[in-house]
PDB file of all heavy atoms in Angstrom:
ATOM      1  N   ILE A   1     151.856 119.834 106.214  1.00  0.00           N
ATOM      2  CA  ILE A   1     152.466 118.548 106.580  1.00  0.00           C
ATOM      3  C   ILE A   1     153.499 118.730 107.687  1.00  0.00           C
ATOM      4  O   ILE A   1     153.567 117.938 108.639  1.00  0.00           O
ATOM      5  CB  ILE A   1     153.087 117.877 105.335  1.00  0.00           C
ATOM      6  CG1 ILE A   1     151.973 117.476 104.360  1.00  0.00           C
ATOM      7  CG2 ILE A   1     153.903 116.644 105.735  1.00  0.00           C
ATOM      8  CD1 ILE A   1     152.469 117.011 103.009  1.00  0.00           C
ATOM      9  N   GLU A   2     154.306 119.794 107.570  1.00  0.00           N
ATOM     10  CA  GLU A   2     155.309 120.060 108.602  1.00  0.00           C
ATOM     11  C   GLU A   2     154.645 120.330 109.952  1.00  0.00           C
ATOM     12  O   GLU A   2     155.087 119.822 110.986  1.00  0.00           O
ATOM     13  CB  GLU A   2     156.171 121.252 108.185  1.00  0.00           C
ATOM     14  CG  GLU A   2     157.259 121.603 109.193  1.00  0.00           C
ATOM     15  CD  GLU A   2     158.050 122.819 108.764  1.00  0.00           C
ATOM     16  OE1 GLU A   2     157.627 123.952 109.105  1.00  0.00           O
ATOM     17  OE2 GLU A   2     159.071 122.647 108.089  1.00  0.00           O
ATOM     18  N   TRP A   3     153.562 121.104 109.943  1.00  0.00           N
ATOM     19  CA  TRP A   3     152.854 121.414 111.194  1.00  0.00           C
ATOM     20  C   TRP A   3     152.288 120.143 111.807  1.00  0.00           C
ATOM     21  O   TRP A   3     152.399 119.910 113.010  1.00  0.00           O
ATOM     22  CB  TRP A   3     151.740 122.417 110.908  1.00  0.00           C
ATOM     23  CG  TRP A   3     151.141 123.038 112.136  1.00  0.00           C
ATOM     24  CD1 TRP A   3     151.478 124.224 112.698  1.00  0.00           C
ATOM     25  CD2 TRP A   3     150.092 122.495 112.961  1.00  0.00           C
ATOM     26  NE1 TRP A   3     150.709 124.463 113.818  1.00  0.00           N
ATOM     27  CE2 TRP A   3     149.849 123.420 113.999  1.00  0.00           C
ATOM     28  CE3 TRP A   3     149.339 121.338 112.919  1.00  0.00           C
ATOM     29  CZ2 TRP A   3     148.886 123.209 114.984  1.00  0.00           C
ATOM     30  CZ3 TRP A   3     148.378 121.116 113.905  1.00  0.00           C
ATOM     31  CH2 TRP A   3     148.161 122.038 114.916  1.00  0.00           C
ATOM     32  N   LEU A   4     151.662 119.311 110.970  1.00  0.00           N
ATOM     33  CA  LEU A   4     151.079 118.061 111.459  1.00  0.00           C
ATOM     34  C   LEU A   4     152.137 117.146 112.057  1.00  0.00           C
ATOM     35  O   LEU A   4     151.910 116.493 113.079  1.00  0.00           O
ATOM     36  CB  LEU A   4     150.343 117.349 110.324  1.00  0.00           C
ATOM     37  CG  LEU A   4     149.053 118.021 109.824  1.00  0.00           C
ATOM     38  CD1 LEU A   4     148.584 117.382 108.531  1.00  0.00           C
ATOM     39  CD2 LEU A   4     147.946 117.954 110.875  1.00  0.00           C
ATOM     40  N   GLU A   5     153.303 117.112 111.422  1.00  0.00           N
ATOM     41  CA  GLU A   5     154.372 116.242 111.923  1.00  0.00           C
ATOM     42  C   GLU A   5     154.886 116.742 113.273  1.00  0.00           C
ATOM     43  O   GLU A   5     155.099 115.961 114.208  1.00  0.00           O
ATOM     44  CB  GLU A   5     155.508 116.156 110.925  1.00  0.00           C
ATOM     45  CG  GLU A   5     156.578 115.151 111.344  1.00  0.00           C
ATOM     46  CD  GLU A   5     157.771 115.140 110.418  1.00  0.00           C
ATOM     47  OE1 GLU A   5     158.059 116.185 109.804  1.00  0.00           O
ATOM     48  OE2 GLU A   5     158.432 114.100 110.323  1.00  0.00           O
ATOM     49  N   LYS A   6     155.043 118.046 113.401  1.00  0.00           N
ATOM     50  CA  LYS A   6     155.526 118.607 114.673  1.00  0.00           C
ATOM     51  C   LYS A   6     154.554 118.341 115.814  1.00  0.00           C
ATOM     52  O   LYS A   6     154.955 118.210 116.966  1.00  0.00           O
ATOM     53  CB  LYS A   6     155.749 120.122 114.523  1.00  0.00           C
ATOM     54  CG  LYS A   6     157.004 120.484 113.757  1.00  0.00           C
ATOM     55  CD  LYS A   6     157.182 121.999 113.704  1.00  0.00           C
ATOM     56  CE  LYS A   6     158.466 122.377 112.978  1.00  0.00           C
ATOM     57  NZ  LYS A   6     158.629 123.851 112.880  1.00  0.00           N
ATOM     58  N   LYS A   7     153.277 118.273 115.492  1.00  0.00           N
ATOM     59  CA  LYS A   7     152.257 118.037 116.515  1.00  0.00           C
ATOM     60  C   LYS A   7     151.946 116.547 116.664  1.00  0.00           C
ATOM     61  O   LYS A   7     150.971 116.180 117.324  1.00  0.00           O
ATOM     62  CB  LYS A   7     150.979 118.800 116.169  1.00  0.00           C
ATOM     63  CG  LYS A   7     151.166 120.305 116.039  1.00  0.00           C
ATOM     64  CD  LYS A   7     151.591 120.944 117.354  1.00  0.00           C
ATOM     65  CE  LYS A   7     151.783 122.446 117.191  1.00  0.00           C
ATOM     66  NZ  LYS A   7     152.194 123.102 118.445  1.00  0.00           N
ATOM     67  N   ASN A   8     152.756 115.707 116.022  1.00  0.00           N
ATOM     68  CA  ASN A   8     152.579 114.249 116.085  1.00  0.00           C
ATOM     69  C   ASN A   8     151.226 113.798 115.557  1.00  0.00           C
ATOM     70  O   ASN A   8     150.617 112.832 116.046  1.00  0.00           O
ATOM     71  CB  ASN A   8     152.751 113.745 117.532  1.00  0.00           C
ATOM     72  CG  ASN A   8     154.159 113.966 118.038  1.00  0.00           C
ATOM     73  OD1 ASN A   8     155.135 113.710 117.320  1.00  0.00           O
ATOM     74  ND2 ASN A   8     154.275 114.453 119.251  1.00  0.00           N
ATOM     75  N   LYS A   9     150.737 114.515 114.526  1.00  0.00           N
ATOM     76  CA  LYS A   9     149.475 114.134 113.885  1.00  0.00           C
ATOM     77  C   LYS A   9     149.715 113.172 112.721  1.00  0.00           C
ATOM     78  O   LYS A   9     148.851 112.365 112.383  1.00  0.00           O
ATOM     79  CB  LYS A   9     148.750 115.382 113.355  1.00  0.00           C
ATOM     80  CG  LYS A   9     148.501 116.462 114.392  1.00  0.00           C
ATOM     81  CD  LYS A   9     147.362 116.115 115.324  1.00  0.00           C
ATOM     82  CE  LYS A   9     147.028 117.274 116.238  1.00  0.00           C
ATOM     83  NZ  LYS A   9     145.931 116.959 117.178  1.00  0.00           N
ATOM     84  N   VAL A  10     150.862 113.326 112.069  1.00  0.00           N
ATOM     85  CA  VAL A  10     151.271 112.405 111.008  1.00  0.00           C
ATOM     86  C   VAL A  10     152.752 112.091 111.210  1.00  0.00           C
ATOM     87  O   VAL A  10     153.476 112.826 111.901  1.00  0.00           O
ATOM     88  CB  VAL A  10     151.054 112.999 109.594  1.00  0.00           C
ATOM     89  CG1 VAL A  10     149.598 113.307 109.339  1.00  0.00           C
ATOM     90  CG2 VAL A  10     151.916 114.236 109.369  1.00  0.00           C
ATOM     91  N   TYR A  11     153.204 110.991 110.594  1.00  0.00           N
ATOM     92  CA  TYR A  11     154.605 110.597 110.720  1.00  0.00           C
ATOM     93  C   TYR A  11     155.192 110.386 109.335  1.00  0.00           C
ATOM     94  O   TYR A  11     154.640 109.648 108.507  1.00  0.00           O
ATOM     95  CB  TYR A  11     154.724 109.312 111.555  1.00  0.00           C
ATOM     96  CG  TYR A  11     154.182 109.454 112.948  1.00  0.00           C
ATOM     97  CD1 TYR A  11     152.863 109.111 113.235  1.00  0.00           C
ATOM     98  CD2 TYR A  11     154.978 109.956 113.977  1.00  0.00           C
ATOM     99  CE1 TYR A  11     152.344 109.270 114.513  1.00  0.00           C
ATOM    100  CE2 TYR A  11     154.465 110.115 115.254  1.00  0.00           C
ATOM    101  CZ  TYR A  11     153.159 109.774 115.519  1.00  0.00           C
ATOM    102  OH  TYR A  11     152.653 109.939 116.780  1.00  0.00           O
ATOM    103  N   LEU A  12     156.287 111.078 109.065  1.00  0.00           N
ATOM    104  CA  LEU A  12     156.974 110.927 107.783  1.00  0.00           C
ATOM    105  C   LEU A  12     158.128 109.943 107.943  1.00  0.00           C
ATOM    106  O   LEU A  12     158.894 110.013 108.905  1.00  0.00           O
ATOM    107  CB  LEU A  12     157.513 112.278 107.303  1.00  0.00           C
ATOM    108  CG  LEU A  12     156.476 113.390 107.067  1.00  0.00           C
ATOM    109  CD1 LEU A  12     157.178 114.654 106.579  1.00  0.00           C
ATOM    110  CD2 LEU A  12     155.423 112.955 106.060  1.00  0.00           C
ATOM    111  N   LEU A  13     158.274 109.038 106.965  1.00  0.00           N
ATOM    112  CA  LEU A  13     159.354 108.051 107.021  1.00  0.00           C
ATOM    113  C   LEU A  13     160.665 108.636 106.522  1.00  0.00           C
ATOM    114  O   LEU A  13     161.727 108.077 106.768  1.00  0.00           O
ATOM    115  CB  LEU A  13     158.967 106.811 106.202  1.00  0.00           C
ATOM    116  CG  LEU A  13     157.712 106.077 106.713  1.00  0.00           C
ATOM    117  CD1 LEU A  13     157.393 104.891 105.813  1.00  0.00           C
ATOM    118  CD2 LEU A  13     157.912 105.624 108.154  1.00  0.00           C
ATOM    119  N   GLN A  14     160.580 109.740 105.798  1.00  0.00           N
ATOM    120  CA  GLN A  14     161.799 110.443 105.378  1.00  0.00           C
ATOM    121  C   GLN A  14     161.497 111.929 105.277  1.00  0.00           C
ATOM    122  O   GLN A  14     160.346 112.340 105.223  1.00  0.00           O
ATOM    123  CB  GLN A  14     162.304 109.915 104.036  1.00  0.00           C
ATOM    124  CG  GLN A  14     161.359 110.145 102.874  1.00  0.00           C
ATOM    125  CD  GLN A  14     161.893 109.537 101.592  1.00  0.00           C
ATOM    126  OE1 GLN A  14     162.425 108.424 101.593  1.00  0.00           O
ATOM    127  NE2 GLN A  14     161.780 110.254 100.497  1.00  0.00           N
ATOM    128  N   GLU A  15     162.536 112.720 105.269  1.00  0.00           N
ATOM    129  CA  GLU A  15     162.376 114.177 105.259  1.00  0.00           C
ATOM    130  C   GLU A  15     161.733 114.647 103.970  1.00  0.00           C
ATOM    131  O   GLU A  15     161.993 114.111 102.890  1.00  0.00           O
ATOM    132  CB  GLU A  15     163.747 114.836 105.433  1.00  0.00           C
ATOM    133  CG  GLU A  15     163.667 116.334 105.659  1.00  0.00           C
ATOM    134  CD  GLU A  15     165.045 116.942 105.934  1.00  0.00           C
ATOM    135  OE1 GLU A  15     165.985 116.183 106.211  1.00  0.00           O
ATOM    136  OE2 GLU A  15     165.146 118.173 105.851  1.00  0.00           O
ATOM    137  N   MET A  16     160.878 115.669 104.087  1.00  0.00           N
ATOM    138  CA  MET A  16     160.218 116.222 102.896  1.00  0.00           C
ATOM    139  C   MET A  16     161.229 116.892 101.979  1.00  0.00           C
ATOM    140  O   MET A  16     162.178 117.542 102.425  1.00  0.00           O
ATOM    141  CB  MET A  16     159.172 117.269 103.311  1.00  0.00           C
ATOM    142  CG  MET A  16     157.835 116.716 103.692  1.00  0.00           C
ATOM    143  SD  MET A  16     156.588 118.021 103.823  1.00  0.00           S
ATOM    144  CE  MET A  16     157.299 119.075 105.088  1.00  0.00           C
ATOM    145  N   ASN A  17     160.979 116.789 100.697  1.00  0.00           N
ATOM    146  CA  ASN A  17     161.778 117.505  99.701  1.00  0.00           C
ATOM    147  C   ASN A  17     161.322 118.960  99.659  1.00  0.00           C
ATOM    148  O   ASN A  17     160.125 119.242  99.636  1.00  0.00           O
ATOM    149  CB  ASN A  17     161.594 116.844  98.328  1.00  0.00           C
ATOM    150  CG  ASN A  17     162.371 117.563  97.251  1.00  0.00           C
ATOM    151  OD1 ASN A  17     163.509 117.960  97.463  1.00  0.00           O
ATOM    152  ND2 ASN A  17     161.755 117.732  96.099  1.00  0.00           N
ATOM    153  N   LYS A  18     162.248 119.889  99.679  1.00  0.00           N
ATOM    154  CA  LYS A  18     161.908 121.320  99.688  1.00  0.00           C
ATOM    155  C   LYS A  18     162.141 121.986  98.326  1.00  0.00           C
ATOM    156  O   LYS A  18     161.998 123.196  98.198  1.00  0.00           O
ATOM    157  CB  LYS A  18     162.742 122.056 100.748  1.00  0.00           C
ATOM    158  CG  LYS A  18     162.560 121.515 102.171  1.00  0.00           C
ATOM    159  CD  LYS A  18     161.172 121.789 102.693  1.00  0.00           C
ATOM    160  CE  LYS A  18     160.975 121.242 104.101  1.00  0.00           C
ATOM    161  NZ  LYS A  18     161.728 121.979 105.114  1.00  0.00           N
ATOM    162  N   SER A  19     162.519 121.196  97.330  1.00  0.00           N
ATOM    163  CA  SER A  19     162.732 121.767  95.994  1.00  0.00           C
ATOM    164  C   SER A  19     161.639 121.277  95.054  1.00  0.00           C
ATOM    165  O   SER A  19     161.131 120.168  95.190  1.00  0.00           O
ATOM    166  CB  SER A  19     164.107 121.374  95.447  1.00  0.00           C
ATOM    167  OG  SER A  19     164.211 119.968  95.300  1.00  0.00           O
ATOM    168  N   MET A  20     161.288 122.125  94.103  1.00  0.00           N
ATOM    169  CA  MET A  20     160.202 121.807  93.174  1.00  0.00           C
ATOM    170  C   MET A  20     160.663 121.997  91.744  1.00  0.00           C
ATOM    171  O   MET A  20     161.260 123.028  91.406  1.00  0.00           O
ATOM    172  CB  MET A  20     158.997 122.708  93.465  1.00  0.00           C
ATOM    173  CG  MET A  20     157.789 122.401  92.600  1.00  0.00           C
ATOM    174  SD  MET A  20     156.406 123.489  92.992  1.00  0.00           S
ATOM    175  CE  MET A  20     155.127 122.777  91.967  1.00  0.00           C
ATOM    176  N   LYS A  21     160.402 121.024  90.912  1.00  0.00           N
ATOM    177  CA  LYS A  21     160.738 121.122  89.488  1.00  0.00           C
ATOM    178  C   LYS A  21     159.555 121.710  88.736  1.00  0.00           C
ATOM    179  O   LYS A  21     158.453 121.170  88.752  1.00  0.00           O
ATOM    180  CB  LYS A  21     161.103 119.752  88.930  1.00  0.00           C
ATOM    181  CG  LYS A  21     162.486 119.261  89.343  1.00  0.00           C
ATOM    182  CD  LYS A  21     162.843 117.977  88.634  1.00  0.00           C
ATOM    183  CE  LYS A  21     164.313 117.640  88.837  1.00  0.00           C
ATOM    184  NZ  LYS A  21     164.681 117.422  90.232  1.00  0.00           N
ATOM    185  N   LEU A  22     159.787 122.848  88.109  1.00  0.00           N
ATOM    186  CA  LEU A  22     158.773 123.530  87.320  1.00  0.00           C
ATOM    187  C   LEU A  22     159.026 123.270  85.841  1.00  0.00           C
ATOM    188  O   LEU A  22     160.183 123.319  85.380  1.00  0.00           O
ATOM    189  CB  LEU A  22     158.799 125.030  87.589  1.00  0.00           C
ATOM    190  CG  LEU A  22     158.563 125.447  89.038  1.00  0.00           C
ATOM    191  CD1 LEU A  22     158.834 126.935  89.217  1.00  0.00           C
ATOM    192  CD2 LEU A  22     157.139 125.121  89.449  1.00  0.00           C
ATOM    193  N   ILE A  23     157.969 123.009  85.091  1.00  0.00           N
ATOM    194  CA  ILE A  23     158.097 122.714  83.668  1.00  0.00           C
ATOM    195  C   ILE A  23     157.883 123.994  82.871  1.00  0.00           C
ATOM    196  O   ILE A  23     156.861 124.672  83.024  1.00  0.00           O
ATOM    197  CB  ILE A  23     157.073 121.650  83.236  1.00  0.00           C
ATOM    198  CG1 ILE A  23     157.302 120.355  84.030  1.00  0.00           C
ATOM    199  CG2 ILE A  23     157.173 121.372  81.738  1.00  0.00           C
ATOM    200  CD1 ILE A  23     156.249 119.308  83.818  1.00  0.00           C
ATOM    201  N   HIS A  24     158.866 124.327  82.059  1.00  0.00           N
ATOM    202  CA  HIS A  24     158.786 125.528  81.215  1.00  0.00           C
ATOM    203  C   HIS A  24     158.754 125.128  79.741  1.00  0.00           C
ATOM    204  O   HIS A  24     159.427 124.191  79.327  1.00  0.00           O
ATOM    205  CB  HIS A  24     159.992 126.434  81.466  1.00  0.00           C
ATOM    206  CG  HIS A  24     159.950 127.128  82.797  1.00  0.00           C
ATOM    207  ND1 HIS A  24     159.294 128.307  82.991  1.00  0.00           N
ATOM    208  CD2 HIS A  24     160.485 126.772  83.992  1.00  0.00           C
ATOM    209  CE1 HIS A  24     159.419 128.668  84.260  1.00  0.00           C
ATOM    210  NE2 HIS A  24     160.142 127.749  84.890  1.00  0.00           N
ATOM    211  N   ARG A  25     157.961 125.874  78.985  1.00  0.00           N
ATOM    212  CA  ARG A  25     157.883 125.641  77.545  1.00  0.00           C
ATOM    213  C   ARG A  25     158.172 126.941  76.796  1.00  0.00           C
ATOM    214  O   ARG A  25     157.800 128.013  77.245  1.00  0.00           O
ATOM    215  CB  ARG A  25     156.483 125.155  77.151  1.00  0.00           C
ATOM    216  CG  ARG A  25     156.114 123.785  77.684  1.00  0.00           C
ATOM    217  CD  ARG A  25     154.687 123.430  77.304  1.00  0.00           C
ATOM    218  NE  ARG A  25     154.302 122.119  77.799  1.00  0.00           N
ATOM    219  CZ  ARG A  25     154.453 120.980  77.124  1.00  0.00           C
ATOM    220  NH1 ARG A  25     155.001 121.015  75.912  1.00  0.00           N
ATOM    221  NH2 ARG A  25     154.076 119.827  77.652  1.00  0.00           N
ATOM    222  N   ASP A  26     158.833 126.797  75.663  1.00  0.00           N
ATOM    223  CA  ASP A  26     158.941 127.914  74.734  1.00  0.00           C
ATOM    224  C   ASP A  26     158.679 127.348  73.337  1.00  0.00           C
ATOM    225  O   ASP A  26     158.534 126.127  73.173  1.00  0.00           O
ATOM    226  CB  ASP A  26     160.308 128.612  74.858  1.00  0.00           C
ATOM    227  CG  ASP A  26     161.485 127.705  74.555  1.00  0.00           C
ATOM    228  OD1 ASP A  26     161.356 126.850  73.644  1.00  0.00           O
ATOM    229  OD2 ASP A  26     162.529 127.837  75.216  1.00  0.00           O
ATOM    230  N   PRO A  27     158.615 128.194  72.312  1.00  0.00           N
ATOM    231  CA  PRO A  27     158.240 127.692  70.983  1.00  0.00           C
ATOM    232  C   PRO A  27     159.136 126.553  70.471  1.00  0.00           C
ATOM    233  O   PRO A  27     158.689 125.723  69.669  1.00  0.00           O
ATOM    234  CB  PRO A  27     158.347 128.932  70.106  1.00  0.00           C
ATOM    235  CG  PRO A  27     158.089 130.073  71.035  1.00  0.00           C
ATOM    236  CD  PRO A  27     158.702 129.660  72.324  1.00  0.00           C
ATOM    237  N   LYS A  28     160.373 126.513  70.924  1.00  0.00           N
ATOM    238  CA  LYS A  28     161.285 125.522  70.365  1.00  0.00           C
ATOM    239  C   LYS A  28     161.640 124.398  71.323  1.00  0.00           C
ATOM    240  O   LYS A  28     162.215 123.383  70.903  1.00  0.00           O
ATOM    241  CB  LYS A  28     162.578 126.222  69.918  1.00  0.00           C
ATOM    242  CG  LYS A  28     162.374 127.220  68.798  1.00  0.00           C
ATOM    243  CD  LYS A  28     163.709 127.831  68.383  1.00  0.00           C
ATOM    244  CE  LYS A  28     163.512 128.831  67.233  1.00  0.00           C
ATOM    245  NZ  LYS A  28     164.808 129.430  66.814  1.00  0.00           N
ATOM    246  N   ASN A  29     161.299 124.540  72.586  1.00  0.00           N
ATOM    247  CA  ASN A  29     161.790 123.539  73.542  1.00  0.00           C
ATOM    248  C   ASN A  29     160.966 123.586  74.832  1.00  0.00           C
ATOM    249  O   ASN A  29     160.180 124.506  75.034  1.00  0.00           O
ATOM    250  CB  ASN A  29     163.271 123.821  73.857  1.00  0.00           C
ATOM    251  CG  ASN A  29     163.974 122.628  74.454  1.00  0.00           C
ATOM    252  OD1 ASN A  29     163.380 121.567  74.616  1.00  0.00           O
ATOM    253  ND2 ASN A  29     165.244 122.806  74.780  1.00  0.00           N
ATOM    254  N   PHE A  30     161.143 122.613  75.664  1.00  0.00           N
ATOM    255  CA  PHE A  30     160.646 122.673  77.033  1.00  0.00           C
ATOM    256  C   PHE A  30     161.692 122.038  77.937  1.00  0.00           C
ATOM    257  O   PHE A  30     162.458 121.167  77.509  1.00  0.00           O
ATOM    258  CB  PHE A  30     159.263 122.032  77.175  1.00  0.00           C
ATOM    259  CG  PHE A  30     159.190 120.575  76.883  1.00  0.00           C
ATOM    260  CD1 PHE A  30     159.300 119.641  77.904  1.00  0.00           C
ATOM    261  CD2 PHE A  30     158.997 120.118  75.574  1.00  0.00           C
ATOM    262  CE1 PHE A  30     159.211 118.294  77.642  1.00  0.00           C
ATOM    263  CE2 PHE A  30     158.917 118.771  75.313  1.00  0.00           C
ATOM    264  CZ  PHE A  30     159.024 117.846  76.340  1.00  0.00           C
ATOM    265  N   TYR A  31     161.715 122.510  79.216  1.00  0.00           N
ATOM    266  CA  TYR A  31     162.776 122.103  80.110  1.00  0.00           C
ATOM    267  C   TYR A  31     162.303 122.182  81.552  1.00  0.00           C
ATOM    268  O   TYR A  31     161.221 122.697  81.840  1.00  0.00           O
ATOM    269  CB  TYR A  31     164.003 122.990  79.904  1.00  0.00           C
ATOM    270  CG  TYR A  31     163.745 124.466  80.135  1.00  0.00           C
ATOM    271  CD1 TYR A  31     163.963 125.059  81.384  1.00  0.00           C
ATOM    272  CD2 TYR A  31     163.266 125.272  79.089  1.00  0.00           C
ATOM    273  CE1 TYR A  31     163.701 126.389  81.600  1.00  0.00           C
ATOM    274  CE2 TYR A  31     163.001 126.613  79.308  1.00  0.00           C
ATOM    275  CZ  TYR A  31     163.210 127.168  80.555  1.00  0.00           C
ATOM    276  OH  TYR A  31     162.948 128.501  80.766  1.00  0.00           O
ATOM    277  N   LEU A  32     163.090 121.680  82.475  1.00  0.00           N
ATOM    278  CA  LEU A  32     162.792 121.691  83.910  1.00  0.00           C
ATOM    279  C   LEU A  32     163.620 122.740  84.620  1.00  0.00           C
ATOM    280  O   LEU A  32     164.828 122.872  84.355  1.00  0.00           O
ATOM    281  CB  LEU A  32     163.068 120.322  84.531  1.00  0.00           C
ATOM    282  CG  LEU A  32     162.257 119.151  83.999  1.00  0.00           C
ATOM    283  CD1 LEU A  32     162.718 117.864  84.675  1.00  0.00           C
ATOM    284  CD2 LEU A  32     160.774 119.362  84.228  1.00  0.00           C
ATOM    285  N   GLU A  33     162.966 123.480  85.511  1.00  0.00           N
ATOM    286  CA  GLU A  33     163.669 124.458  86.356  1.00  0.00           C
ATOM    287  C   GLU A  33     163.433 124.081  87.817  1.00  0.00           C
ATOM    288  O   GLU A  33     162.298 123.815  88.220  1.00  0.00           O
ATOM    289  CB  GLU A  33     163.151 125.867  86.100  1.00  0.00           C
ATOM    290  CG  GLU A  33     163.813 126.926  86.983  1.00  0.00           C
ATOM    291  CD  GLU A  33     163.132 128.278  86.898  1.00  0.00           C
ATOM    292  OE1 GLU A  33     162.030 128.372  86.325  1.00  0.00           O
ATOM    293  OE2 GLU A  33     163.691 129.246  87.447  1.00  0.00           O
ATOM    294  N   VAL A  34     164.485 124.044  88.590  1.00  0.00           N
ATOM    295  CA  VAL A  34     164.372 123.676  89.991  1.00  0.00           C
ATOM    296  C   VAL A  34     164.276 124.940  90.842  1.00  0.00           C
ATOM    297  O   VAL A  34     165.098 125.852  90.708  1.00  0.00           O
ATOM    298  CB  VAL A  34     165.569 122.827  90.441  1.00  0.00           C
ATOM    299  CG1 VAL A  34     165.450 122.513  91.942  1.00  0.00           C
ATOM    300  CG2 VAL A  34     165.644 121.545  89.639  1.00  0.00           C
ATOM    301  N   LYS A  35     163.238 124.998  91.707  1.00  0.00           N
ATOM    302  CA  LYS A  35     163.060 126.124  92.622  1.00  0.00           C
ATOM    303  C   LYS A  35     163.085 125.601  94.061  1.00  0.00           C
ATOM    304  O   LYS A  35     162.394 124.636  94.393  1.00  0.00           O
ATOM    305  CB  LYS A  35     161.718 126.816  92.376  1.00  0.00           C
ATOM    306  CG  LYS A  35     161.690 127.736  91.165  1.00  0.00           C
ATOM    307  CD  LYS A  35     162.333 129.074  91.484  1.00  0.00           C
ATOM    308  CE  LYS A  35     162.135 130.049  90.342  1.00  0.00           C
ATOM    309  NZ  LYS A  35     162.786 131.348  90.625  1.00  0.00           N
ATOM    310  N   GLU A  36     163.883 126.251  94.897  1.00  0.00           N
ATOM    311  CA  GLU A  36     163.871 125.927  96.319  1.00  0.00           C
ATOM    312  C   GLU A  36     162.748 126.721  96.981  1.00  0.00           C
ATOM    313  O   GLU A  36     162.755 127.951  96.951  1.00  0.00           O
ATOM    314  CB  GLU A  36     165.218 126.276  96.961  1.00  0.00           C
ATOM    315  CG  GLU A  36     166.376 125.417  96.497  1.00  0.00           C
ATOM    316  CD  GLU A  36     166.222 123.965  96.902  1.00  0.00           C
ATOM    317  OE1 GLU A  36     165.671 123.701  97.994  1.00  0.00           O
ATOM    318  OE2 GLU A  36     166.639 123.095  96.118  1.00  0.00           O
ATOM    319  N   ILE A  37     161.788 126.018  97.507  1.00  0.00           N
ATOM    320  CA  ILE A  37     160.629 126.670  98.139  1.00  0.00           C
ATOM    321  C   ILE A  37     160.516 126.149  99.559  1.00  0.00           C
ATOM    322  O   ILE A  37     160.070 125.024  99.785  1.00  0.00           O
ATOM    323  CB  ILE A  37     159.330 126.386  97.358  1.00  0.00           C
ATOM    324  CG1 ILE A  37     159.472 126.861  95.914  1.00  0.00           C
ATOM    325  CG2 ILE A  37     158.129 127.058  98.037  1.00  0.00           C
ATOM    326  CD1 ILE A  37     158.293 126.485  95.030  1.00  0.00           C
ATOM    327  N   GLU A  38     160.951 126.956 100.483  1.00  0.00           N
ATOM    328  CA  GLU A  38     160.922 126.535 101.885  1.00  0.00           C
ATOM    329  C   GLU A  38     160.272 127.609 102.735  1.00  0.00           C
ATOM    330  O   GLU A  38     160.710 128.755 102.756  1.00  0.00           O
ATOM    331  CB  GLU A  38     162.328 126.243 102.395  1.00  0.00           C
ATOM    332  CG  GLU A  38     162.333 125.736 103.829  1.00  0.00           C
ATOM    333  CD  GLU A  38     163.721 125.330 104.304  1.00  0.00           C
ATOM    334  OE1 GLU A  38     164.686 125.499 103.549  1.00  0.00           O
ATOM    335  OE2 GLU A  38     163.809 124.856 105.452  1.00  0.00           O
ATOM    336  N   ASP A  39     159.200 127.228 103.401  1.00  0.00           N
ATOM    337  CA  ASP A  39     158.498 128.138 104.313  1.00  0.00           C
ATOM    338  C   ASP A  39     158.909 127.786 105.737  1.00  0.00           C
ATOM    339  O   ASP A  39     158.660 126.671 106.186  1.00  0.00           O
ATOM    340  CB  ASP A  39     156.977 127.964 104.162  1.00  0.00           C
ATOM    341  CG  ASP A  39     156.265 129.248 103.791  1.00  0.00           C
ATOM    342  OD1 ASP A  39     156.726 130.301 104.249  1.00  0.00           O
ATOM    343  OD2 ASP A  39     155.265 129.203 103.058  1.00  0.00           O
ATOM    344  N   THR A  40     159.517 128.724 106.414  1.00  0.00           N
ATOM    345  CA  THR A  40     159.885 128.492 107.814  1.00  0.00           C
ATOM    346  C   THR A  40     159.003 129.340 108.716  1.00  0.00           C
ATOM    347  O   THR A  40     158.491 130.383 108.299  1.00  0.00           O
ATOM    348  CB  THR A  40     161.356 128.852 108.063  1.00  0.00           C
ATOM    349  OG1 THR A  40     161.564 130.231 107.710  1.00  0.00           O
ATOM    350  CG2 THR A  40     162.276 127.977 107.236  1.00  0.00           C
ATOM    351  N   MET A  41     158.833 128.884 109.933  1.00  0.00           N
ATOM    352  CA  MET A  41     157.944 129.621 110.841  1.00  0.00           C
ATOM    353  C   MET A  41     158.744 130.495 111.799  1.00  0.00           C
ATOM    354  O   MET A  41     159.601 130.005 112.537  1.00  0.00           O
ATOM    355  CB  MET A  41     157.054 128.668 111.634  1.00  0.00           C
ATOM    356  CG  MET A  41     155.968 129.418 112.429  1.00  0.00           C
ATOM    357  SD  MET A  41     154.691 128.353 113.135  1.00  0.00           S
ATOM    358  CE  MET A  41     155.566 127.645 114.524  1.00  0.00           C
ATOM    359  N   ARG A  42     158.432 131.786 111.773  1.00  0.00           N
ATOM    360  CA  ARG A  42     158.989 132.715 112.751  1.00  0.00           C
ATOM    361  C   ARG A  42     158.276 132.498 114.092  1.00  0.00           C
ATOM    362  O   ARG A  42     157.073 132.217 114.114  1.00  0.00           O
ATOM    363  CB  ARG A  42     158.789 134.156 112.300  1.00  0.00           C
ATOM    364  CG  ARG A  42     159.680 134.592 111.154  1.00  0.00           C
ATOM    365  CD  ARG A  42     161.116 134.684 111.595  1.00  0.00           C
ATOM    366  NE  ARG A  42     161.917 135.522 110.697  1.00  0.00           N
ATOM    367  CZ  ARG A  42     163.193 135.846 110.915  1.00  0.00           C
ATOM    368  NH1 ARG A  42     163.819 135.377 111.999  1.00  0.00           N
ATOM    369  NH2 ARG A  42     163.850 136.618 110.072  1.00  0.00           N
ATOM    370  N   PRO A  43     158.962 132.629 115.199  1.00  0.00           N
ATOM    371  CA  PRO A  43     158.332 132.394 116.505  1.00  0.00           C
ATOM    372  C   PRO A  43     157.341 133.507 116.847  1.00  0.00           C
ATOM    373  O   PRO A  43     157.340 134.576 116.219  1.00  0.00           O
ATOM    374  CB  PRO A  43     159.521 132.410 117.471  1.00  0.00           C
ATOM    375  CG  PRO A  43     160.542 133.260 116.791  1.00  0.00           C
ATOM    376  CD  PRO A  43     160.381 132.984 115.322  1.00  0.00           C
ATOM    377  N   PRO A  44     156.479 133.292 117.823  1.00  0.00           N
ATOM    378  CA  PRO A  44     155.573 134.365 118.252  1.00  0.00           C
ATOM    379  C   PRO A  44     156.349 135.634 118.586  1.00  0.00           C
ATOM    380  O   PRO A  44     157.385 135.585 119.249  1.00  0.00           O
ATOM    381  CB  PRO A  44     154.909 133.776 119.504  1.00  0.00           C
ATOM    382  CG  PRO A  44     154.953 132.296 119.285  1.00  0.00           C
ATOM    383  CD  PRO A  44     156.259 132.048 118.581  1.00  0.00           C
TER     384      PRO A  44
END
């Protein structure tokens, strides 16, 4: 999506969220864990 936006192939009305909520379960409970997942491009 980021590549497409930079090349003017798609247009986003707001900035993409770079954090992801992962659902974890254990025998007694389940909960949400937030992970920051950001892929940046190194130049040639």
